[in-house]
Protein backbone atom coordinates (compact mmCIF):
# COMPACT_ATOMS: atom_id res chain seq x y z
CA UNK A 1 -33.63 -108.33 9.35
CA UNK A 2 -31.74 -111.48 8.46
CA UNK A 3 -28.77 -110.31 10.70
CA UNK A 4 -31.27 -109.88 13.49
CA UNK A 5 -32.58 -113.38 13.09
CA UNK A 6 -29.09 -114.77 12.97
CA UNK A 7 -28.02 -112.91 16.03
CA UNK A 8 -31.15 -114.14 17.96
CA UNK A 9 -30.40 -117.65 16.83
CA UNK A 10 -26.80 -117.34 18.14
CA UNK A 11 -27.93 -116.07 21.43
CA UNK A 12 -30.74 -118.54 21.97
CA UNK A 13 -29.83 -121.66 20.00
CA UNK A 14 -26.11 -121.56 19.30
CA UNK A 15 -26.89 -122.67 15.69
CA UNK A 16 -26.13 -119.36 13.92
CA UNK A 17 -24.01 -120.96 11.24
CA UNK A 18 -26.70 -123.39 10.26
CA UNK A 19 -29.39 -120.77 10.22
CA UNK A 20 -27.17 -118.39 8.29
CA UNK A 21 -26.63 -121.07 5.65
CA UNK A 22 -30.29 -121.78 5.44
CA UNK A 23 -31.15 -118.09 4.97
CA UNK A 24 -28.49 -117.65 2.17
CA UNK A 25 -29.75 -120.77 0.47
CA UNK A 26 -33.28 -119.55 0.59
CA UNK A 27 -32.26 -116.12 -0.67
CA UNK A 28 -30.46 -117.61 -3.69
CA UNK A 29 -33.66 -119.45 -4.66
CA UNK A 30 -35.68 -116.18 -4.97
CA UNK A 31 -36.26 -115.03 -8.56
CA UNK A 32 -34.16 -111.98 -9.50
CA UNK A 33 -35.95 -108.73 -10.15
CA UNK A 34 -38.81 -109.38 -7.71
CA UNK A 35 -37.38 -106.87 -5.27
CA UNK A 36 -37.99 -104.01 -7.71
CA UNK A 37 -41.08 -101.98 -6.85
CA UNK A 38 -42.99 -99.21 -8.41
CA UNK A 39 -40.29 -96.58 -7.51
CA UNK A 40 -37.60 -98.45 -9.47
CA UNK A 41 -39.05 -97.20 -12.73
CA UNK A 42 -38.49 -93.55 -11.82
CA UNK A 43 -34.84 -93.00 -12.90
CA UNK A 44 -33.41 -89.53 -13.00
CA UNK A 45 -33.99 -89.22 -16.77
CA UNK A 46 -37.56 -90.20 -16.30
CA UNK A 47 -38.08 -87.59 -13.59
CA UNK A 48 -36.40 -84.83 -15.51
CA UNK A 49 -38.36 -85.48 -18.72
CA UNK A 50 -41.52 -85.85 -16.78
CA UNK A 51 -40.96 -82.52 -15.06
CA UNK A 52 -40.17 -80.79 -18.35
CA UNK A 53 -43.13 -82.12 -20.25
CA UNK A 54 -45.35 -81.81 -17.19
CA UNK A 55 -44.55 -78.05 -16.95
CA UNK A 56 -45.29 -77.77 -20.70
CA UNK A 57 -48.55 -79.64 -20.08
CA UNK A 58 -49.55 -76.98 -17.45
CA UNK A 59 -48.87 -74.36 -20.05
CA UNK A 60 -50.81 -76.12 -22.71
CA UNK A 61 -53.82 -76.71 -20.35
CA UNK A 62 -53.87 -73.07 -19.32
CA UNK A 63 -53.61 -71.93 -22.96
CA UNK A 64 -56.47 -74.26 -23.97
CA UNK A 65 -58.54 -73.01 -20.99
CA UNK A 66 -58.00 -69.31 -22.04
CA UNK A 67 -58.96 -70.08 -25.65
CA UNK A 68 -61.72 -72.48 -24.52
CA UNK A 69 -60.28 -75.07 -26.74
CA UNK A 70 -60.96 -78.62 -25.46
CA UNK A 71 -58.25 -80.24 -27.69
CA UNK A 72 -55.45 -77.97 -26.32
CA UNK A 73 -56.64 -78.84 -22.72
CA UNK A 74 -56.71 -82.56 -23.57
CA UNK A 75 -53.11 -82.28 -24.94
CA UNK A 76 -52.10 -80.55 -21.69
CA UNK A 77 -53.70 -83.22 -19.52
CA UNK A 78 -52.01 -85.85 -21.62
CA UNK A 79 -48.60 -84.21 -21.17
CA UNK A 80 -49.21 -84.20 -17.41
CA UNK A 81 -50.39 -87.75 -17.08
CA UNK A 82 -48.39 -89.88 -19.53
CA UNK A 83 -45.07 -89.73 -17.78
CA UNK A 84 -46.61 -91.74 -14.92
CA UNK A 85 -47.74 -94.43 -17.33
CA UNK A 86 -44.68 -94.91 -19.57
CA UNK A 87 -41.64 -96.64 -18.10
CA UNK A 88 -39.24 -96.38 -21.01
CA UNK A 89 -37.19 -93.24 -21.26
CA UNK A 90 -37.04 -93.33 -25.15
CA UNK A 91 -40.83 -93.71 -25.29
CA UNK A 92 -41.24 -91.02 -22.73
CA UNK A 93 -39.33 -88.55 -24.82
CA UNK A 94 -40.92 -89.65 -28.10
CA UNK A 95 -44.47 -89.27 -26.71
CA UNK A 96 -43.65 -85.97 -25.15
CA UNK A 97 -42.18 -84.57 -28.34
CA UNK A 98 -45.21 -85.76 -30.34
CA UNK A 99 -47.72 -84.22 -27.87
CA UNK A 100 -45.72 -81.01 -27.88
CA UNK A 101 -45.72 -80.86 -31.65
CA UNK A 102 -49.49 -81.56 -31.61
CA UNK A 103 -49.95 -78.68 -29.30
CA UNK A 104 -47.81 -76.35 -31.48
CA UNK A 105 -49.64 -77.19 -34.71
CA UNK A 106 -53.00 -77.06 -33.06
CA UNK A 107 -52.27 -73.66 -31.48
CA UNK A 108 -50.77 -72.17 -34.63
CA UNK A 109 -52.92 -73.94 -37.19
């Protein structure tokens, strides 16, 4: 986009160097990290752990539905939803392991 503005300025005004300098000065004043959006939190590790615990969440939900156990179904829903809310990989794994352990002990206990 900036290149298009600079090219248009060169064609119409002949002041491309001045405009380029102003654009670069304005870009350097922008705070760093503001260009990161929602998708920047989804790293490959987050996607893989989310898929693994999400698949286990589907299993837990179906197991709870077959047993008519609301707690198992809630654990399954939590395993499906929490990866969308947690942005730290370590916390993602920690919460997933804790919910999986809760499912295991509730199912076998």
